[in-house]
Protein backbone atom coordinates (compact mmCIF):
# COMPACT_ATOMS: atom_id res chain seq x y z
CA MET A 1 -0.57 -114.95 -103.50
CA ALA A 2 -3.70 -115.36 -101.69
CA THR A 3 -4.12 -114.80 -98.12
CA THR A 4 -4.72 -117.82 -95.71
CA ALA A 5 -7.78 -117.52 -93.19
CA VAL A 6 -6.01 -116.67 -89.35
CA PRO A 7 -6.95 -118.63 -86.35
CA SER A 8 -9.12 -116.45 -84.07
CA GLN A 9 -6.32 -117.07 -81.24
CA LEU A 10 -3.93 -115.38 -83.37
CA ALA A 11 -6.24 -112.43 -84.91
CA HIS A 12 -5.95 -109.59 -83.01
CA ALA A 13 -2.49 -109.68 -80.62
CA PRO A 14 1.04 -110.64 -81.23
CA PHE A 15 2.30 -114.21 -80.94
CA THR A 16 5.09 -116.59 -81.29
CA THR A 17 6.25 -119.26 -83.36
CA ALA A 18 5.83 -121.38 -80.71
CA GLN A 19 2.17 -120.33 -80.21
CA ALA A 20 1.09 -120.06 -83.86
CA ARG A 21 2.50 -123.86 -84.43
CA ALA A 22 0.47 -124.50 -81.62
CA ALA A 23 -2.84 -122.78 -83.44
CA GLY A 24 -2.42 -125.14 -86.65
CA VAL A 25 -0.23 -122.59 -88.77
CA SER A 26 3.20 -123.41 -89.88
CA ALA A 27 6.47 -121.41 -90.38
CA ASP A 28 6.12 -121.21 -94.28
CA VAL A 29 2.40 -119.56 -93.59
CA VAL A 30 3.55 -117.29 -90.76
CA ARG A 31 6.07 -115.62 -93.28
CA GLY A 32 3.58 -115.30 -96.07
CA PRO A 33 1.56 -112.40 -96.61
CA SER A 34 -1.58 -113.42 -94.13
CA TYR A 35 0.86 -112.15 -91.42
CA ARG A 36 3.60 -109.46 -90.06
CA LYS A 37 7.04 -109.74 -88.91
CA LEU A 38 7.45 -107.55 -85.97
CA PHE A 39 10.57 -109.08 -84.17
CA ARG A 40 12.60 -112.17 -84.33
CA GLY A 41 10.17 -114.78 -83.87
CA ILE A 42 7.24 -112.65 -83.25
CA TYR A 43 4.38 -111.82 -85.78
CA VAL A 44 0.97 -110.17 -86.09
CA ALA A 45 -2.06 -110.67 -88.50
CA ALA A 46 -1.80 -108.49 -91.53
CA ASP A 47 -4.83 -106.78 -90.77
CA VAL A 48 -3.85 -105.53 -87.43
CA GLU A 49 -3.06 -102.13 -86.66
CA LEU A 50 0.08 -101.26 -85.32
CA THR A 51 -0.82 -99.74 -82.38
CA LEU A 52 1.45 -98.56 -79.54
CA ALA A 53 -0.56 -101.31 -77.57
CA VAL A 54 0.24 -103.82 -80.57
CA TRP A 55 4.34 -103.47 -80.11
CA LEU A 56 4.02 -103.18 -76.56
CA ARG A 57 2.57 -106.74 -76.29
CA ALA A 58 5.20 -107.84 -78.97
CA VAL A 59 7.80 -106.52 -77.08
CA LEU A 60 6.72 -108.07 -73.45
CA LEU A 61 6.81 -111.25 -75.66
CA VAL A 62 10.87 -110.73 -76.20
CA VAL A 63 11.94 -109.65 -73.02
CA PRO A 64 12.19 -111.03 -69.58
CA SER A 65 9.12 -112.07 -67.86
CA ASP A 66 9.74 -109.33 -64.90
CA ALA A 67 10.15 -106.85 -67.44
CA VAL A 68 8.10 -103.13 -67.23
CA VAL A 69 7.56 -100.86 -69.86
CA SER A 70 9.25 -97.86 -68.66
CA HIS A 71 11.38 -94.50 -69.32
CA VAL A 72 10.00 -92.73 -72.64
CA THR A 73 8.02 -95.21 -73.89
CA ALA A 74 6.03 -95.43 -70.49
CA LEU A 75 5.63 -91.74 -70.59
CA ARG A 76 4.14 -92.31 -74.25
CA VAL A 77 1.91 -95.13 -72.39
CA TYR A 78 0.62 -92.64 -70.55
CA GLY A 79 -0.36 -90.23 -73.30
CA PHE A 80 2.62 -87.73 -73.41
CA SER A 81 5.21 -88.25 -76.68
CA ILE A 82 8.50 -87.32 -76.93
CA GLY A 83 10.71 -88.70 -79.41
CA ASP A 84 10.39 -91.38 -81.82
CA GLU A 85 8.49 -94.57 -80.90
CA ALA A 86 11.33 -96.89 -81.08
CA PRO A 87 13.15 -98.07 -79.39
CA PHE A 88 10.79 -99.20 -76.78
CA HIS A 89 12.25 -99.26 -73.20
CA VAL A 90 11.64 -101.78 -70.75
CA SER A 91 13.18 -102.65 -67.50
CA THR A 92 13.66 -105.80 -65.36
CA GLN A 93 16.13 -107.09 -62.59
CA ALA A 94 16.69 -110.08 -64.97
CA SER A 95 20.39 -109.96 -66.08
CA THR A 96 19.94 -110.93 -69.88
CA HIS A 97 19.58 -107.75 -72.34
CA SER A 98 17.06 -107.52 -75.55
CA ARG A 99 19.31 -108.30 -78.64
CA HIS A 100 16.32 -106.79 -80.73
CA ARG A 101 17.80 -103.50 -82.42
CA ASP A 102 14.44 -101.48 -81.36
CA ILE A 103 13.79 -102.60 -77.72
CA THR A 104 16.15 -100.56 -74.97
CA THR A 105 16.75 -103.21 -71.76
CA HIS A 106 17.45 -101.47 -68.36
CA ARG A 107 18.59 -103.60 -65.84
CA ARG A 108 17.20 -103.16 -62.01
CA ARG A 109 18.56 -104.08 -58.55
CA ALA A 110 14.86 -103.94 -56.82
CA ARG A 111 11.57 -105.31 -57.98
CA ILE A 112 9.98 -102.23 -60.02
CA PRO A 113 6.14 -101.96 -58.79
CA ALA A 114 4.23 -102.33 -62.25
CA HIS A 115 1.08 -100.28 -63.25
CA ASP A 116 -1.33 -101.54 -65.34
CA ARG A 117 -2.63 -100.07 -68.22
CA ASP A 118 -5.12 -101.98 -70.56
CA GLY A 119 -2.82 -104.97 -69.56
CA ILE A 120 0.48 -103.64 -70.31
CA PRO A 121 2.87 -103.36 -67.54
CA VAL A 122 4.12 -99.60 -66.70
CA THR A 123 6.34 -97.84 -64.31
CA GLY A 124 4.00 -95.46 -62.36
CA PRO A 125 4.02 -91.63 -63.02
CA GLU A 126 6.28 -91.16 -60.16
CA ARG A 127 8.94 -93.67 -61.29
CA THR A 128 8.47 -92.58 -65.01
CA VAL A 129 9.72 -89.12 -64.29
CA VAL A 130 12.67 -90.22 -61.93
CA ASP A 131 13.49 -92.38 -64.94
CA VAL A 132 13.47 -89.76 -67.65
CA ALA A 133 14.94 -87.17 -65.22
CA THR A 134 18.74 -87.36 -66.71
CA LYS A 135 17.45 -88.32 -70.03
CA LEU A 136 15.37 -85.49 -71.11
CA SER A 137 16.26 -81.59 -71.14
CA VAL A 138 14.75 -79.33 -68.19
CA VAL A 139 12.01 -78.34 -70.20
CA GLN A 140 10.73 -81.47 -71.45
CA LEU A 141 11.11 -82.83 -68.07
CA VAL A 142 8.63 -80.34 -66.88
CA GLN A 143 6.15 -80.28 -69.54
CA ALA A 144 6.00 -84.67 -69.03
CA ALA A 145 5.27 -84.17 -65.16
CA GLU A 146 3.01 -81.47 -65.30
CA PHE A 147 0.95 -83.71 -67.98
CA LEU A 148 0.97 -86.43 -65.33
CA ILE A 149 -0.39 -84.16 -63.00
CA HIS A 150 -2.93 -82.59 -65.13
CA GLN A 151 -4.43 -86.42 -66.37
CA ARG A 152 -4.63 -86.96 -62.29
CA LEU A 153 -2.01 -89.74 -62.75
CA THR A 154 0.01 -87.99 -59.80
CA THR A 155 0.14 -84.96 -58.26
CA LEU A 156 2.96 -82.61 -57.06
CA ASP A 157 2.94 -83.59 -53.47
CA GLN A 158 3.14 -87.80 -54.76
CA LEU A 159 6.36 -86.40 -57.13
CA ALA A 160 7.95 -84.44 -54.18
CA ASP A 161 7.46 -87.71 -51.51
CA TYR A 162 8.59 -89.87 -54.29
CA ALA A 163 11.79 -87.82 -55.14
CA ILE A 164 12.54 -87.30 -51.52
CA THR A 165 12.03 -90.57 -50.24
CA ARG A 166 13.76 -92.70 -52.78
CA HIS A 167 17.54 -93.37 -53.52
CA LEU A 168 17.55 -93.99 -57.04
CA ASP A 169 19.01 -92.46 -60.79
CA GLY A 170 17.26 -89.20 -61.42
CA VAL A 171 16.24 -88.08 -57.82
CA ARG A 172 18.24 -85.54 -57.44
CA ARG A 173 17.49 -84.02 -60.79
CA THR A 174 14.19 -84.02 -60.04
CA ARG A 175 14.31 -82.72 -56.72
CA ARG A 176 15.73 -79.37 -58.39
CA LEU A 177 12.71 -79.72 -60.81
CA LEU A 178 9.87 -79.60 -58.28
CA PRO A 179 10.42 -75.69 -57.67
CA LEU A 180 9.64 -75.49 -61.42
CA LEU A 181 6.48 -77.60 -61.20
CA ARG A 182 2.71 -76.04 -61.46
CA GLU A 183 -0.29 -77.70 -60.94
CA GLY A 184 -3.15 -76.67 -63.16
CA VAL A 185 -1.40 -76.59 -66.69
CA GLU A 186 -3.62 -77.57 -69.22
CA SER A 187 -0.80 -78.52 -72.03
CA PRO A 188 2.62 -78.86 -73.08
CA MET A 189 2.49 -76.24 -74.61
CA GLU A 190 1.73 -73.91 -71.99
CA THR A 191 4.46 -75.33 -69.73
CA LEU A 192 6.52 -74.30 -72.50
CA VAL A 193 5.58 -70.31 -73.11
CA ARG A 194 5.36 -70.10 -69.27
CA LEU A 195 9.01 -71.50 -68.96
CA MET A 196 10.30 -69.24 -72.19
CA ILE A 197 8.72 -66.44 -69.75
CA VAL A 198 10.35 -67.59 -66.24
CA PHE A 199 13.82 -68.60 -67.54
CA ALA A 200 13.85 -65.20 -69.25
CA ARG A 201 13.42 -63.56 -65.74
CA LEU A 202 10.29 -61.74 -66.41
CA PRO A 203 7.11 -61.99 -63.64
CA GLU A 204 5.98 -65.73 -64.01
CA PRO A 205 2.32 -65.65 -64.76
CA ALA A 206 -0.37 -67.68 -63.18
CA CYS A 207 -2.10 -70.99 -64.69
CA ASN A 208 -5.84 -71.14 -66.25
CA ARG A 209 -7.26 -68.57 -64.29
CA ASP A 210 -11.00 -67.24 -64.41
CA ILE A 211 -11.25 -63.87 -65.36
CA LEU A 212 -13.88 -61.92 -63.76
CA ASP A 213 -15.33 -58.39 -64.87
CA ALA A 214 -15.83 -55.02 -62.51
CA ALA A 215 -18.89 -56.79 -60.82
CA GLY A 216 -17.36 -60.04 -60.15
CA ARG A 217 -19.02 -61.88 -63.30
CA PHE A 218 -17.21 -64.54 -65.45
CA ILE A 219 -15.76 -63.58 -68.70
CA ALA A 220 -13.57 -66.31 -69.69
CA ARG A 221 -10.77 -68.39 -68.20
CA GLY A 222 -6.89 -67.60 -69.25
CA ASP A 223 -4.19 -69.81 -70.15
CA LEU A 224 -1.61 -67.77 -68.28
CA VAL A 225 -2.79 -64.83 -66.68
CA TYR A 226 -1.07 -61.79 -65.39
CA ALA A 227 -3.82 -59.95 -63.08
CA GLU A 228 -2.01 -57.01 -62.17
CA TYR A 229 -1.43 -55.94 -65.52
CA ARG A 230 -4.77 -57.28 -67.05
CA ILE A 231 -2.85 -59.40 -69.75
CA VAL A 232 -3.60 -62.80 -70.85
CA VAL A 233 -1.29 -64.90 -72.63
CA GLU A 234 -2.60 -67.74 -74.92
CA TYR A 235 -1.46 -70.44 -77.29
CA ASP A 236 -3.70 -71.55 -79.95
CA GLY A 237 -2.60 -75.17 -81.90
CA TRP A 238 -3.67 -76.22 -84.75
CA TYR A 239 -6.89 -77.07 -83.62
CA HIS A 240 -7.90 -73.38 -82.72
CA GLU A 241 -6.08 -72.29 -85.99
CA ARG A 242 -8.12 -74.91 -87.94
CA THR A 243 -11.72 -75.21 -86.62
CA ALA A 244 -14.35 -72.39 -88.06
CA TRP A 245 -16.55 -72.49 -84.67
CA GLN A 246 -13.18 -72.44 -82.25
CA ARG A 247 -12.08 -69.48 -84.13
CA ARG A 248 -15.54 -67.89 -83.46
CA SER A 249 -15.28 -68.48 -80.14
CA ASP A 250 -12.09 -67.76 -79.63
CA THR A 251 -12.61 -64.39 -81.34
CA LEU A 252 -15.84 -63.38 -79.23
CA ARG A 253 -14.10 -64.53 -75.88
CA ARG A 254 -11.28 -62.39 -76.34
CA GLU A 255 -13.30 -59.37 -77.83
CA ARG A 256 -15.16 -59.42 -74.34
CA LEU A 257 -11.87 -59.63 -72.42
CA GLU A 258 -10.45 -56.44 -74.61
CA ALA A 259 -13.83 -54.95 -73.57
CA ALA A 260 -12.82 -55.47 -69.80
CA GLY A 261 -9.80 -53.88 -70.45
CA TRP A 262 -7.22 -56.81 -70.97
CA ARG A 263 -4.48 -57.29 -73.37
CA VAL A 264 -4.96 -61.05 -74.83
CA ILE A 265 -1.60 -62.13 -76.47
CA VAL A 266 -2.10 -64.81 -78.93
CA ILE A 267 0.93 -66.98 -79.43
CA THR A 268 0.68 -69.90 -83.04
CA SER A 269 2.06 -72.91 -83.35
CA GLY A 270 4.11 -70.60 -86.26
CA ASP A 271 5.09 -68.31 -83.47
CA LEU A 272 7.52 -70.42 -81.85
CA ALA A 273 9.76 -70.68 -84.54
CA HIS A 274 10.61 -67.50 -83.39
CA LYS A 275 10.78 -67.83 -79.68
CA ALA A 276 12.79 -64.94 -78.68
CA ALA A 277 10.07 -62.41 -80.62
CA ILE A 278 7.47 -64.25 -78.07
CA VAL A 279 9.24 -63.25 -75.20
CA GLY A 280 9.33 -59.44 -76.21
CA ARG A 281 5.69 -59.37 -77.23
CA ILE A 282 4.82 -60.07 -73.59
CA HIS A 283 7.86 -57.82 -72.40
CA GLN A 284 6.73 -55.00 -74.28
CA ALA A 285 3.12 -55.63 -72.89
CA LEU A 286 4.05 -55.81 -69.29
CA VAL A 287 5.85 -52.62 -70.14
CA ALA A 288 2.71 -50.58 -71.09
CA ARG A 289 0.81 -51.80 -68.41
CA GLY A 290 3.39 -50.39 -65.90
CA TYR A 291 5.81 -52.90 -65.64
CA ALA A 292 9.21 -51.63 -64.63
CA GLY A 293 11.54 -54.56 -63.89
CA ARG A 294 14.21 -55.94 -65.94
CA PRO A 295 13.70 -56.51 -69.67
CA PRO A 296 14.38 -60.42 -70.88
CA HIS A 297 17.24 -62.22 -70.26
CA LEU A 298 17.99 -64.34 -72.58
CA ASN A 299 21.51 -66.27 -71.98
CA ALA A 300 23.28 -68.79 -73.78
CA MET A 301 20.97 -71.37 -71.20
CA TRP A 302 17.84 -69.83 -72.11
CA THR A 303 19.08 -69.86 -75.91
CA MET A 304 20.09 -73.87 -75.94
CA TRP A 305 17.13 -74.99 -74.11
CA PHE A 306 14.48 -73.00 -76.59
CA SER A 307 16.50 -72.81 -79.80
């Protein structure tokens, strides 16, 4: 069946059947191959890429007019993805809830200030952390908060002030989270590795510190740094493993560190299948450099968080 030309006003964004009629497109044509159904009564031109932004613009057509994208969906808008894209979460003061399977509506008593992200109303970074505080694990929550801090969407002080001065679900857990947060963390995987170390009760490394030689010259910037023991823990994701230029750069960098007396522990995505072994490697390196503290404490809680 041949497709029908799509009017310009319907070509790039989701629309309602009423908007289609106003553009001169009948219900039968909307249900044809030129268009794609997203929700009941909501369509988009068939050649439009279904990005998160497109989905959310469709969501906003079927929820109350005051609705704000929230919870894990807001995190995804800010760039931190966890879990499945759907259901999409929104918050509203309206008493009506969406009956769409892929939309979860949270009712709020007070007006929800919105931040504009490319035309999409989203809960602010601090409110988003509080909203997801009771939904995510401790590890996931720290990862999300440190990601937002690294993206300069908030600061540790702003998160603390919000959690301390508000009376919302999630603020108590957020307050307990604050001592675990660090500024200067550059990736969620760095957060994960650091928390594996901390919750195993090993010394906590510093995050993303410059490493200098004996003359004070810059050698490298380390992900997780034990300056006292001259140990660097590095996480290398898929980009490092698959890019020849990056592999060569990393190899030369590590050679400089080792020549200056530093021990470099490299953790890859494949190593994460055996997290206890990672902690064991770090402990062994610390002991070899003079650490005389307790061995890793991998209790049931550690196993639950990092399984």
